[in-house]
């Protein structure tokens, strides 16, 4: 007899519908990384031009 698949299928509420970000964890990491990049750029530009 075949054993059940250990990976549970994802429900529709967990799907993002985005081609590059299939899980919400990836979306959250992208947003957090983008925020950190912008804050880093603002700090660097403030220190450079002040």
PDB file of N, CA and C in Angstrom:
ATOM      1  N   UNK A   1       0.832  -1.171   0.000  1.00  0.00           N
ATOM      2  CA  UNK A   1       0.000   0.000   0.000  1.00  0.00           C
ATOM      3  C   UNK A   1       0.885   1.246   0.000  1.00  0.00           C
ATOM      4  N   UNK A   2       0.459   2.242  -0.727  1.00  0.00           N
ATOM      5  CA  UNK A   2       1.220   3.483  -0.848  1.00  0.00           C
ATOM      6  C   UNK A   2       1.006   4.358   0.387  1.00  0.00           C
ATOM      7  N   UNK A   3       2.112   4.918   0.909  1.00  0.00           N
ATOM      8  CA  UNK A   3       2.003   5.789   2.077  1.00  0.00           C
ATOM      9  C   UNK A   3       1.529   7.169   1.643  1.00  0.00           C
ATOM     10  N   UNK A   4       0.815   7.881   2.520  1.00  0.00           N
ATOM     11  CA  UNK A   4       0.337   9.226   2.149  1.00  0.00           C
ATOM     12  C   UNK A   4       1.502  10.198   1.992  1.00  0.00           C
ATOM     13  N   UNK A   5       1.275  11.180   1.167  1.00  0.00           N
ATOM     14  CA  UNK A   5       2.292  12.206   0.914  1.00  0.00           C
ATOM     15  C   UNK A   5       2.500  13.029   2.183  1.00  0.00           C
ATOM     16  N   UNK A   6       3.751  13.177   2.675  1.00  0.00           N
ATOM     17  CA  UNK A   6       3.982  13.924   3.914  1.00  0.00           C
ATOM     18  C   UNK A   6       3.733  15.423   3.779  1.00  0.00           C
ATOM     19  N   UNK A   7       3.767  15.939   2.557  1.00  0.00           N
ATOM     20  CA  UNK A   7       3.551  17.366   2.340  1.00  0.00           C
ATOM     21  C   UNK A   7       2.054  17.602   2.147  1.00  0.00           C
ATOM     22  N   UNK A   8       1.496  18.432   3.002  1.00  0.00           N
ATOM     23  CA  UNK A   8       0.071  18.732   2.894  1.00  0.00           C
ATOM     24  C   UNK A   8      -0.158  19.722   1.766  1.00  0.00           C
ATOM     25  N   UNK A   9      -1.223  19.568   1.026  1.00  0.00           N
ATOM     26  CA  UNK A   9      -1.506  20.542  -0.037  1.00  0.00           C
ATOM     27  C   UNK A   9      -1.872  21.893   0.569  1.00  0.00           C
ATOM     28  N   UNK A  10      -1.471  22.954  -0.104  1.00  0.00           N
ATOM     29  CA  UNK A  10      -1.740  24.297   0.392  1.00  0.00           C
ATOM     30  C   UNK A  10      -3.180  24.686   0.069  1.00  0.00           C
ATOM     31  N   UNK A  11      -3.803  25.383   0.975  1.00  0.00           N
ATOM     32  CA  UNK A  11      -5.165  25.848   0.747  1.00  0.00           C
ATOM     33  C   UNK A  11      -5.126  27.120  -0.102  1.00  0.00           C
ATOM     34  N   UNK A  12      -6.278  27.504  -0.607  1.00  0.00           N
ATOM     35  CA  UNK A  12      -6.361  28.698  -1.443  1.00  0.00           C
ATOM     36  C   UNK A  12      -6.022  29.963  -0.665  1.00  0.00           C
ATOM     37  N   UNK A  13      -6.286  29.986   0.633  1.00  0.00           N
ATOM     38  CA  UNK A  13      -6.015  31.191   1.409  1.00  0.00           C
ATOM     39  C   UNK A  13      -4.522  31.423   1.605  1.00  0.00           C
ATOM     40  N   UNK A  14      -3.702  30.406   1.438  1.00  0.00           N
ATOM     41  CA  UNK A  14      -2.255  30.555   1.592  1.00  0.00           C
ATOM     42  C   UNK A  14      -1.568  30.950   0.298  1.00  0.00           C
ATOM     43  N   UNK A  15      -2.225  30.813  -0.837  1.00  0.00           N
ATOM     44  CA  UNK A  15      -1.623  31.149  -2.125  1.00  0.00           C
ATOM     45  C   UNK A  15      -1.612  32.663  -2.299  1.00  0.00           C
ATOM     46  N   UNK A  16      -0.497  33.187  -2.781  1.00  0.00           N
ATOM     47  CA  UNK A  16      -0.378  34.635  -2.966  1.00  0.00           C
ATOM     48  C   UNK A  16      -0.869  35.084  -4.332  1.00  0.00           C
ATOM     49  N   UNK A  17      -0.782  34.225  -5.319  1.00  0.00           N
ATOM     50  CA  UNK A  17      -1.167  34.603  -6.671  1.00  0.00           C
ATOM     51  C   UNK A  17      -0.079  35.368  -7.398  1.00  0.00           C
ATOM     52  N   UNK A  18       1.077  35.536  -6.780  1.00  0.00           N
ATOM     53  CA  UNK A  18       2.193  36.234  -7.404  1.00  0.00           C
ATOM     54  C   UNK A  18       3.123  35.221  -8.058  1.00  0.00           C
ATOM     55  N   UNK A  19       3.647  35.527  -9.248  1.00  0.00           N
ATOM     56  CA  UNK A  19       4.487  34.545  -9.931  1.00  0.00           C
ATOM     57  C   UNK A  19       5.818  34.269  -9.232  1.00  0.00           C
ATOM     58  N   UNK A  20       6.426  35.250  -8.620  1.00  0.00           N
ATOM     59  CA  UNK A  20       7.736  35.056  -8.002  1.00  0.00           C
ATOM     60  C   UNK A  20       7.681  34.699  -6.533  1.00  0.00           C
ATOM     61  N   UNK A  21       6.561  34.987  -5.904  1.00  0.00           N
ATOM     62  CA  UNK A  21       6.420  34.771  -4.467  1.00  0.00           C
ATOM     63  C   UNK A  21       5.220  33.866  -4.223  1.00  0.00           C
ATOM     64  N   UNK A  22       5.467  32.582  -4.109  1.00  0.00           N
ATOM     65  CA  UNK A  22       4.359  31.642  -3.962  1.00  0.00           C
ATOM     66  C   UNK A  22       3.930  31.437  -2.522  1.00  0.00           C
ATOM     67  N   UNK A  23       4.769  31.851  -1.565  1.00  0.00           N
ATOM     68  CA  UNK A  23       4.391  31.731  -0.155  1.00  0.00           C
ATOM     69  C   UNK A  23       4.427  33.112   0.480  1.00  0.00           C
ATOM     70  N   UNK A  24       3.638  33.279   1.533  1.00  0.00           N
ATOM     71  CA  UNK A  24       3.587  34.563   2.217  1.00  0.00           C
ATOM     72  C   UNK A  24       4.892  34.853   2.933  1.00  0.00           C
ATOM     73  N   UNK A  25       5.622  33.822   3.327  1.00  0.00           N
ATOM     74  CA  UNK A  25       6.920  34.047   3.976  1.00  0.00           C
ATOM     75  C   UNK A  25       7.868  34.774   3.041  1.00  0.00           C
ATOM     76  N   UNK A  26       7.886  34.385   1.774  1.00  0.00           N
ATOM     77  CA  UNK A  26       8.752  35.052   0.794  1.00  0.00           C
ATOM     78  C   UNK A  26       8.316  36.497   0.571  1.00  0.00           C
ATOM     79  N   UNK A  27       7.023  36.746   0.575  1.00  0.00           N
ATOM     80  CA  UNK A  27       6.523  38.115   0.415  1.00  0.00           C
ATOM     81  C   UNK A  27       6.974  38.971   1.587  1.00  0.00           C
ATOM     82  N   UNK A  28       6.807  38.456   2.809  1.00  0.00           N
ATOM     83  CA  UNK A  28       7.212  39.200   4.004  1.00  0.00           C
ATOM     84  C   UNK A  28       8.712  39.469   4.016  1.00  0.00           C
ATOM     85  N   UNK A  29       9.516  38.492   3.627  1.00  0.00           N
ATOM     86  CA  UNK A  29      10.964  38.695   3.595  1.00  0.00           C
ATOM     87  C   UNK A  29      11.356  39.729   2.554  1.00  0.00           C
ATOM     88  N   UNK A  30      10.679  39.728   1.410  1.00  0.00           N
ATOM     89  CA  UNK A  30      10.955  40.722   0.376  1.00  0.00           C
ATOM     90  C   UNK A  30      10.619  42.128   0.872  1.00  0.00           C
ATOM     91  N   UNK A  31       9.478  42.280   1.513  1.00  0.00           N
ATOM     92  CA  UNK A  31       9.076  43.591   2.029  1.00  0.00           C
ATOM     93  C   UNK A  31      10.045  44.060   3.110  1.00  0.00           C
ATOM     94  N   UNK A  32      10.413  43.174   4.010  1.00  0.00           N
ATOM     95  CA  UNK A  32      11.354  43.526   5.067  1.00  0.00           C
ATOM     96  C   UNK A  32      12.725  43.892   4.485  1.00  0.00           C
ATOM     97  N   UNK A  33      13.193  43.138   3.503  1.00  0.00           N
ATOM     98  CA  UNK A  33      14.466  43.443   2.854  1.00  0.00           C
ATOM     99  C   UNK A  33      14.430  44.769   2.106  1.00  0.00           C
ATOM    100  N   UNK A  34      13.313  45.043   1.437  1.00  0.00           N
ATOM    101  CA  UNK A  34      13.172  46.323   0.735  1.00  0.00           C
ATOM    102  C   UNK A  34      13.188  47.493   1.713  1.00  0.00           C
ATOM    103  N   UNK A  35      12.494  47.330   2.833  1.00  0.00           N
ATOM    104  CA  UNK A  35      12.477  48.375   3.854  1.00  0.00           C
ATOM    105  C   UNK A  35      13.881  48.619   4.400  1.00  0.00           C
ATOM    106  N   UNK A  36      14.605  47.553   4.689  1.00  0.00           N
ATOM    107  CA  UNK A  36      15.969  47.688   5.209  1.00  0.00           C
ATOM    108  C   UNK A  36      16.877  48.351   4.182  1.00  0.00           C
ATOM    109  N   UNK A  37      16.708  48.032   2.918  1.00  0.00           N
ATOM    110  CA  UNK A  37      17.507  48.655   1.858  1.00  0.00           C
ATOM    111  C   UNK A  37      17.253  50.157   1.797  1.00  0.00           C
ATOM    112  N   UNK A  38      15.985  50.577   1.834  1.00  0.00           N
ATOM    113  CA  UNK A  38      15.652  51.996   1.767  1.00  0.00           C
ATOM    114  C   UNK A  38      16.167  52.748   2.985  1.00  0.00           C
ATOM    115  N   UNK A  39      16.039  52.149   4.158  1.00  0.00           N
ATOM    116  CA  UNK A  39      16.554  52.808   5.368  1.00  0.00           C
ATOM    117  C   UNK A  39      18.074  52.936   5.279  1.00  0.00           C
ATOM    118  N   UNK A  40      18.744  51.903   4.799  1.00  0.00           N
ATOM    119  CA  UNK A  40      20.195  51.962   4.627  1.00  0.00           C
ATOM    120  C   UNK A  40      20.608  53.028   3.630  1.00  0.00           C
ATOM    121  N   UNK A  41      19.871  53.138   2.532  1.00  0.00           N
ATOM    122  CA  UNK A  41      20.174  54.181   1.550  1.00  0.00           C
ATOM    123  C   UNK A  41      19.935  55.576   2.127  1.00  0.00           C
ATOM    124  N   UNK A  42      18.857  55.746   2.869  1.00  0.00           N
ATOM    125  CA  UNK A  42      18.605  57.053   3.483  1.00  0.00           C
ATOM    126  C   UNK A  42      19.711  57.438   4.466  1.00  0.00           C
ATOM    127  N   UNK A  43      20.152  56.495   5.245  1.00  0.00           N
ATOM    128  CA  UNK A  43      21.243  56.779   6.191  1.00  0.00           C
ATOM    129  C   UNK A  43      22.530  57.113   5.446  1.00  0.00           C
ATOM    130  N   UNK A  44      22.857  56.313   4.436  1.00  0.00           N
ATOM    131  CA  UNK A  44      24.089  56.555   3.676  1.00  0.00           C
ATOM    132  C   UNK A  44      24.058  57.899   2.968  1.00  0.00           C
ATOM    133  N   UNK A  45      22.945  58.246   2.364  1.00  0.00           N
ATOM    134  CA  UNK A  45      22.857  59.524   1.657  1.00  0.00           C
ATOM    135  C   UNK A  45      22.857  60.694   2.632  1.00  0.00           C
ATOM    136  N   UNK A  46      22.244  60.518   3.785  1.00  0.00           N
ATOM    137  CA  UNK A  46      22.258  61.586   4.797  1.00  0.00           C
ATOM    138  C   UNK A  46      23.681  61.836   5.268  1.00  0.00           C
ATOM    139  N   UNK A  47      24.422  60.792   5.518  1.00  0.00           N
ATOM    140  CA  UNK A  47      25.803  60.951   5.982  1.00  0.00           C
ATOM    141  C   UNK A  47      26.694  61.503   4.866  1.00  0.00           C
ATOM    142  N   UNK A  48      26.417  61.149   3.640  1.00  0.00           N
ATOM    143  CA  UNK A  48      27.239  61.612   2.519  1.00  0.00           C
ATOM    144  C   UNK A  48      27.018  63.094   2.224  1.00  0.00           C
ATOM    145  N   UNK A  49      25.795  63.539   2.243  1.00  0.00           N
ATOM    146  CA  UNK A  49      25.477  64.897   1.809  1.00  0.00           C
ATOM    147  C   UNK A  49      25.197  65.872   2.951  1.00  0.00           C
ATOM    148  N   UNK A  50      25.536  65.504   4.175  1.00  0.00           N
ATOM    149  CA  UNK A  50      25.308  66.454   5.261  1.00  0.00           C
ATOM    150  C   UNK A  50      26.625  66.987   5.790  1.00  0.00           C
TER     151      UNK A  50
END
